[in-house]
Amino acid sequence: MATQHSSAPVVCSDVTRRYEGSTGRFGTSGTTVTALDNVSCEITHGSVVGVAGPSGSGKSTLLHLLAGLDTPTAGDIQIYGTSIQTLSSRERTAFRRSHIGMVFQRFHLLPALTAVENVAVPLVQAGESRATRRDRATELLDAVGLDGRHKHRPGSLSGGEQQRVAIARALAADPAVVIADEPTGELDRETGEQVLDVLTDIAADRAVVIASHDEYTLSRTDRVINLRDGRRET
C-alpha cells in the first residue's frame, strides 16, 4: 500500500525543550520549565515504538516535536534525513502533511462528512483530483477493514470504526511516520486490540510511534521509550 521510503531511522539527538515564562500546565508566569531534557532516541523503518511515562513526563512534548508541531530548544531531530527544526513554520507544515500522519485519542472526524470524505481531507489539501481522492480513500478504508462503511458518517460508526477511519486518514498522504497519541484511550479492550492490529500492520511500510499509559498497548510495540520528568529512563 505504501511507497518505499528510505530505511534511515527517525533520530532525536540530545533534544531539549524549555518553555520560557510559562503559564498554565507548564508553570506560572516568569518561570522556565524543561519539558524534555537531553533526550536521544532512534525509531527505525518498519518498527512500532511505544512512548510511556506518567502525566507530565514529556510524552506529548516528544510527539509534538516529532510531528513538527513544535521545535526543540536544543538538539537535533531528523526524520528520514531532514532536520525538521531547520525548516520554517510553513516548510514544517508542508513536511508534516507529506511525511507524517497523526492519530489522536479523540478521533477528530468531521461529523457532516462520510468516512470516505473524512479520509480524503488531506488529499483535498494536497490538491489531488476528486477521482484520486475517492480511489485512495476507498482503498485505505478497505485496508483497515471498513469496506461497506464508506458512506457512513461518524455518528453511525462505533468508536473502533471511527478510530480506523482516523488511521486511514492519517495514511492518506502515504506518510513515512505515523504518530499515535493514546489511540486506544477511549476504546474497550477488544476494540482497542483491533485498532492496534491495524497500527502494527501498517508498520511494515513505515515507522509508527504510539504514546500510551496502557500496559497492553505498550506490550504490542517492538520497544518502549520510558520518560519521567522530561528525561529518558534506562
Protein backbone atom coordinates (compact mmCIF):
# COMPACT_ATOMS: atom_id res chain seq x y z
CA MET A 1 0.00 0.00 0.00
CA ALA A 2 2.75 2.47 0.92
CA THR A 3 5.57 3.58 -1.29
CA GLN A 4 9.07 2.67 -0.20
CA HIS A 5 10.78 5.28 1.94
CA SER A 6 14.42 5.49 2.98
CA SER A 7 15.41 2.95 5.61
CA ALA A 8 17.16 5.67 7.65
CA PRO A 9 15.77 5.91 11.15
CA VAL A 10 13.99 8.78 12.82
CA VAL A 11 16.71 10.22 15.06
CA CYS A 12 16.44 12.51 18.09
CA SER A 13 19.86 13.65 19.31
CA ASP A 14 20.19 15.34 22.72
CA VAL A 15 16.80 17.02 22.36
CA THR A 16 15.74 19.57 24.97
CA ARG A 17 12.57 21.67 25.04
CA ARG A 18 12.26 24.53 27.50
CA TYR A 19 9.32 26.88 27.85
CA GLU A 20 10.24 30.39 29.00
CA GLY A 21 7.82 32.46 31.05
CA SER A 22 5.37 29.57 31.07
CA THR A 23 1.80 29.68 32.30
CA GLY A 24 -0.85 27.03 32.80
CA ARG A 25 0.30 23.43 32.79
CA PHE A 26 3.95 24.45 32.25
CA GLY A 27 4.17 26.62 35.35
CA THR A 28 3.48 30.18 36.48
CA SER A 29 4.39 33.34 34.60
CA GLY A 30 8.11 34.09 34.65
CA THR A 31 9.24 30.53 35.25
CA THR A 32 11.26 28.34 32.91
CA VAL A 33 10.08 24.76 32.60
CA THR A 34 12.10 22.00 30.95
CA ALA A 35 9.52 19.69 29.39
CA LEU A 36 12.12 17.49 27.69
CA ASP A 37 15.72 17.22 28.86
CA ASN A 38 18.53 15.89 26.65
CA VAL A 39 16.54 13.01 25.14
CA SER A 40 18.03 10.83 22.40
CA CYS A 41 16.27 8.01 20.57
CA GLU A 42 16.04 6.23 17.23
CA ILE A 43 12.90 4.91 15.56
CA THR A 44 13.68 2.64 12.65
CA HIS A 45 11.71 1.99 9.50
CA GLY A 46 9.40 -0.99 9.94
CA SER A 47 9.14 -0.72 13.73
CA VAL A 48 6.49 0.18 16.29
CA VAL A 49 7.91 2.15 19.20
CA GLY A 50 5.98 2.96 22.36
CA VAL A 51 6.42 6.11 24.43
CA ALA A 52 5.48 5.67 28.09
CA GLY A 53 5.50 7.74 31.24
CA PRO A 54 3.21 9.43 33.77
CA SER A 55 1.42 12.70 33.06
CA GLY A 56 3.96 15.50 32.77
CA SER A 57 6.76 13.12 31.78
CA GLY A 58 7.28 14.70 28.35
CA LYS A 59 5.36 12.23 26.15
CA SER A 60 3.22 14.84 24.44
CA THR A 61 6.17 17.19 24.03
CA LEU A 62 8.18 14.46 22.31
CA LEU A 63 5.29 13.63 19.99
CA HIS A 64 4.77 17.30 19.11
CA LEU A 65 8.47 17.64 18.31
CA LEU A 66 8.49 14.50 16.16
CA ALA A 67 5.44 15.82 14.30
CA GLY A 68 7.00 19.21 13.67
CA LEU A 69 4.25 20.92 15.67
CA ASP A 70 6.98 22.37 17.90
CA THR A 71 10.76 22.80 17.66
CA PRO A 72 13.44 21.89 20.22
CA THR A 73 15.30 24.47 22.27
CA ALA A 74 18.45 22.42 21.74
CA GLY A 75 19.41 19.23 19.93
CA ASP A 76 18.50 17.80 16.54
CA ILE A 77 15.50 15.89 15.19
CA GLN A 78 15.96 14.20 11.83
CA ILE A 79 13.13 12.44 10.06
CA TYR A 80 14.33 10.44 7.10
CA GLY A 81 17.27 12.78 6.55
CA THR A 82 15.54 16.11 7.17
CA SER A 83 16.37 18.16 10.28
CA ILE A 84 12.87 19.45 10.84
CA GLN A 85 13.89 22.19 13.29
CA THR A 86 15.79 23.92 10.46
CA LEU A 87 12.58 24.36 8.46
CA SER A 88 10.41 27.46 8.58
CA SER A 89 6.91 27.15 10.03
CA ARG A 90 5.45 26.95 6.53
CA GLU A 91 8.02 24.34 5.46
CA ARG A 92 7.32 22.25 8.58
CA THR A 93 3.60 22.30 7.80
CA ALA A 94 4.26 21.12 4.25
CA PHE A 95 6.70 18.46 5.51
CA ARG A 96 4.18 17.21 8.07
CA ARG A 97 1.40 16.95 5.50
CA SER A 98 3.62 14.92 3.19
CA HIS A 99 5.60 12.74 5.59
CA ILE A 100 3.82 12.47 8.96
CA GLY A 101 0.41 11.01 9.80
CA MET A 102 -1.22 11.65 13.16
CA VAL A 103 -3.79 9.64 15.12
CA PHE A 104 -5.32 11.04 18.30
CA GLN A 105 -7.23 9.67 21.29
CA ARG A 106 -10.24 11.71 20.18
CA PHE A 107 -10.91 10.91 16.57
CA HIS A 108 -11.35 14.49 15.25
CA LEU A 109 -13.56 13.37 12.38
CA LEU A 110 -15.80 15.91 10.66
CA PRO A 111 -19.36 14.87 11.59
CA ALA A 112 -21.00 16.10 8.37
CA LEU A 113 -18.65 14.09 6.14
CA THR A 114 -18.81 10.40 5.26
CA ALA A 115 -15.94 8.05 6.07
CA VAL A 116 -14.59 8.39 2.52
CA GLU A 117 -14.81 12.17 2.68
CA ASN A 118 -13.05 12.31 6.06
CA VAL A 119 -10.18 10.15 4.79
CA ALA A 120 -9.89 12.32 1.68
CA VAL A 121 -9.45 15.61 3.59
CA PRO A 122 -5.61 15.56 3.46
CA LEU A 123 -5.80 14.85 -0.26
CA VAL A 124 -8.02 17.89 -0.79
CA GLN A 125 -5.32 19.95 0.93
CA ALA A 126 -2.74 18.34 -1.36
CA GLY A 127 -4.72 19.34 -4.45
CA GLU A 128 -5.48 15.82 -5.66
CA SER A 129 -8.32 15.27 -8.14
CA ARG A 130 -11.74 14.12 -6.97
CA ALA A 131 -11.26 10.69 -8.59
CA THR A 132 -7.83 10.22 -6.99
CA ARG A 133 -9.21 11.22 -3.60
CA ARG A 134 -12.12 8.79 -3.86
CA ASP A 135 -9.97 5.88 -5.03
CA ARG A 136 -7.29 6.42 -2.38
CA ALA A 137 -9.79 6.85 0.46
CA THR A 138 -11.72 3.75 -0.62
CA GLU A 139 -8.51 1.71 -0.79
CA LEU A 140 -7.47 2.81 2.69
CA LEU A 141 -10.86 2.15 4.28
CA ASP A 142 -10.85 -1.34 2.79
CA ALA A 143 -7.31 -1.87 4.12
CA VAL A 144 -8.39 -1.06 7.70
CA GLY A 145 -11.42 -3.36 7.48
CA LEU A 146 -14.15 -0.83 6.75
CA ASP A 147 -15.35 -1.98 3.36
CA GLY A 148 -19.09 -1.44 3.31
CA ARG A 149 -18.86 1.55 5.67
CA HIS A 150 -17.57 4.08 3.15
CA LYS A 151 -20.70 6.25 3.10
CA HIS A 152 -21.39 6.19 6.83
CA ARG A 153 -20.93 9.37 8.84
CA PRO A 154 -19.10 9.29 12.20
CA GLY A 155 -22.34 9.32 14.19
CA SER A 156 -23.33 5.93 12.76
CA LEU A 157 -19.94 4.31 13.36
CA SER A 158 -18.69 2.63 16.54
CA GLY A 159 -15.71 4.05 18.42
CA GLY A 160 -13.39 1.45 16.93
CA GLU A 161 -14.68 2.14 13.44
CA GLN A 162 -14.18 5.87 13.91
CA GLN A 163 -10.59 5.31 15.04
CA ARG A 164 -9.94 3.15 11.99
CA VAL A 165 -11.28 5.96 9.80
CA ALA A 166 -8.85 8.27 11.61
CA ILE A 167 -5.98 5.85 10.91
CA ALA A 168 -6.95 5.67 7.25
CA ARG A 169 -6.99 9.47 7.13
CA ALA A 170 -3.51 9.55 8.70
CA LEU A 171 -2.30 7.27 5.89
CA ALA A 172 -3.87 9.28 3.06
CA ALA A 173 -0.65 11.06 2.08
CA ASP A 174 1.39 7.84 2.45
CA PRO A 175 3.49 9.20 5.34
CA ALA A 176 6.87 7.82 6.34
CA VAL A 177 5.98 8.18 10.04
CA VAL A 178 2.69 7.66 11.88
CA ILE A 179 2.40 9.18 15.35
CA ALA A 180 -0.46 7.92 17.54
CA ASP A 181 -1.27 9.65 20.84
CA GLU A 182 -3.27 7.33 23.14
CA PRO A 183 -5.04 5.75 20.14
CA THR A 184 -6.93 3.21 22.27
CA GLY A 185 -7.61 5.52 25.22
CA GLU A 186 -11.36 5.75 24.62
CA LEU A 187 -11.91 2.19 23.39
CA ASP A 188 -12.74 -1.06 25.16
CA ARG A 189 -10.10 -3.82 25.18
CA GLU A 190 -11.46 -5.83 22.25
CA THR A 191 -11.90 -2.76 20.05
CA GLY A 192 -8.51 -1.44 21.13
CA GLU A 193 -6.90 -4.71 20.08
CA GLN A 194 -8.42 -4.35 16.62
CA VAL A 195 -7.04 -0.81 16.30
CA LEU A 196 -3.60 -1.99 17.45
CA ASP A 197 -3.74 -4.77 14.85
CA VAL A 198 -4.11 -2.08 12.19
CA LEU A 199 -1.31 0.07 13.60
CA THR A 200 1.12 -2.84 13.81
CA ASP A 201 0.20 -3.98 10.30
CA ILE A 202 0.96 -0.59 8.75
CA ALA A 203 4.40 -0.50 10.40
CA ALA A 204 5.72 -2.86 7.73
CA ASP A 205 5.97 0.15 5.41
CA ARG A 206 6.86 2.96 7.79
CA ALA A 207 7.79 3.91 11.36
CA VAL A 208 5.00 4.00 13.95
CA VAL A 209 5.18 5.78 17.31
CA ILE A 210 2.50 5.12 19.94
CA ALA A 211 2.26 7.07 23.19
CA SER A 212 0.19 5.32 25.83
CA HIS A 213 -0.37 4.70 29.53
CA ASP A 214 -1.84 1.27 28.80
CA GLU A 215 0.39 -1.72 29.50
CA TYR A 216 -1.28 -3.92 26.90
CA THR A 217 -0.87 -1.28 24.20
CA LEU A 218 2.80 -0.89 25.06
CA SER A 219 3.24 -4.68 25.02
CA ARG A 220 2.25 -4.65 21.34
CA THR A 221 5.19 -2.40 20.42
CA ASP A 222 8.68 -3.55 19.47
CA ARG A 223 10.27 -1.49 22.23
CA VAL A 224 9.37 1.31 24.64
CA ILE A 225 10.91 4.71 25.32
CA ASN A 226 10.23 5.46 29.00
CA LEU A 227 10.13 9.10 30.07
CA ARG A 228 9.98 10.64 33.54
CA ASP A 229 10.28 14.33 34.40
CA GLY A 230 11.35 15.05 30.84
CA ARG A 231 14.23 12.57 30.84
CA ARG A 232 14.59 9.18 29.28
CA GLU A 233 14.79 6.33 31.78
CA THR A 234 17.14 3.44 31.07
